[in-house]
Amino acid sequence: MTTRYDIFDCPVTLAADGDLEAWNAMQLGFLAHAAVTPDHLAATMASDDDFALPLVCKGLFCLLLGRKELNDVAQQAERDARELVKRRSVTTREQVFLQALSDWNAGFPKRAGDRLERLLAANPTDALAMKLVQAVRFVLGDAVGMRQSIESVLEGIGQDHAAYGYALGCHAFSLEETGEYALAERIGRQGVIHSPNDAWGLHAVAHVYDMTNNIDAGLEWLTGRTEAWAHCNNFRYHVWWHLALMHLDRGEIEAVFALYDQNIRHDKTDDYRDISNAASLLSRLELDGISVDNRWEELAELSQHRTDDGCLAFADLHYMLALIGGKRKAAVGSLLARMRKDAATEASEMDAIFKHPGLSAAEGLEAFGEGNYVTALRHLAGARDAMQTVGGSHAQRDVFERLTIESAIRGGYLDAAERFLLGRTERRAGKMDRFATTRMDELAELRLGVSRSVTIPAE
């Protein structure tokens, strides 16, 4: 079998008449979060049905989607790929990818990420491995690992590398998540210049403006750049979510609802990332005393069918938000029961995260929904220091921080609320956003015996 080389100068055992152009397009599509990526993957597989690596990628992509029914697809992809490697010798690189899929299928995504990391150390130009490592570390909430990984390969990915702009985007995001805001902004802007369709890099800069409360700059950055994310898969909803957060911070509620209805939830998907965008936004609105009308209903209806997933604690916590918002008490109970079962099992890396902080956070959310704010505070505060391990970004996890602070205020623990607010502000470059300033004002009023200025939504 003749080894061919792809756009990143990596060896692939694709047949001589196999569609290398489709394979290259798939990799670039994955880097760009492009909606057409599965089409290019399918075209590659159709051109050479003995090429194992596309099957492995299919399995890894399925696992990243965090859906229980796709675990079976990922496991079948592994089995099929193992049959293919019996018929055709594969490169060491392809064998490592297959072993990483096996690791994650067995319940050990960190082990999978570490394995791909070692491969990347040997071949820093391997942008597919680079992006997969970033994705795995992101799911695990390992911002430091994301940064260490991307910084270890930047010298090998020069300006003439096809993935240079995307690598800068990954670097920018990891810098932002580790608090290097000014450098993240500069690197992210550079990345978008090199790869204008890199929505990940674009949104990394938006994260900077969120964390530094530079809302005017954030709106200016995203306005007029919709082409940078219009080509995306469901990641495009997340970029619209960032825009909505900026309008929310300015108190422009009509703009928030317009973005929610016309963009964020225009397509009523049940992808956990889309549910998380919507549920966290509605929660933020309600915490500000704003009625969201019946918008919880469709989220709750979809989420009650996901209570048995158990793939990612991040996903389950957002399903919980939707179920509480939609007042689906039975489904809340089902989700909690399943999380308790997983927490007791500890058969995988994810089970350990369900045990702590996942279960405590979920119990805190349930108590908050029931109006038991002291209980909510106890559980949410207990989970607080470990919440990064559920995955996602600082901006995404901020909804749980806000709920923790609100629990403290409503429960009468004003000193704790102030301590949490000051800690949150410190992590956000010392800049107080509208949420922080209004809560600090409320604390001052409450200490003087003045009624709250923000109305608590009716039960």
Foldseek 3Di string as FASTA:
>chain_A
DDWDAALLRDTFPQDPQFDRVLVNVLLVCVLLQFPCNVVSLVSRCVRPVLGLQSLLVQLLVLLLLLFQVSLVSNVVSLVSSVVSCVVPPTDPLSVLSSVLSVCVSQFENVVSLVSLLVVCLVPLSPVSSLVSNLSSCQQQLNLVSLQVSLVSNLVVQDLPRPCNLSSLLSNLQSCVQVQVLVVSLVSLVVSCVSPVLRVSSLVSNLSSCVLQVVLVVNLVSPPPSLNSPPRHDLVSLVSLLSNLVSCVLVVVVVSNVCSVCVPLPVPLDLRLVSLLSNLLVVLVCLVQVHDPPQVLPSLLVSLLVRLQSLSFLLSLLSSLSSVLVNVVVVSLVSSLVNLVVLCVPPSHPSSVVSVALSNLQSQLSVCVSVVNLVSNLVSLVRRPVVVSSSGDGPVSCVSSLLSNLVSCVSVVVLVVSVVSLQVSCVSSVVDDTSSSVLSVVQSVCVVVVHDRPRDNDDD
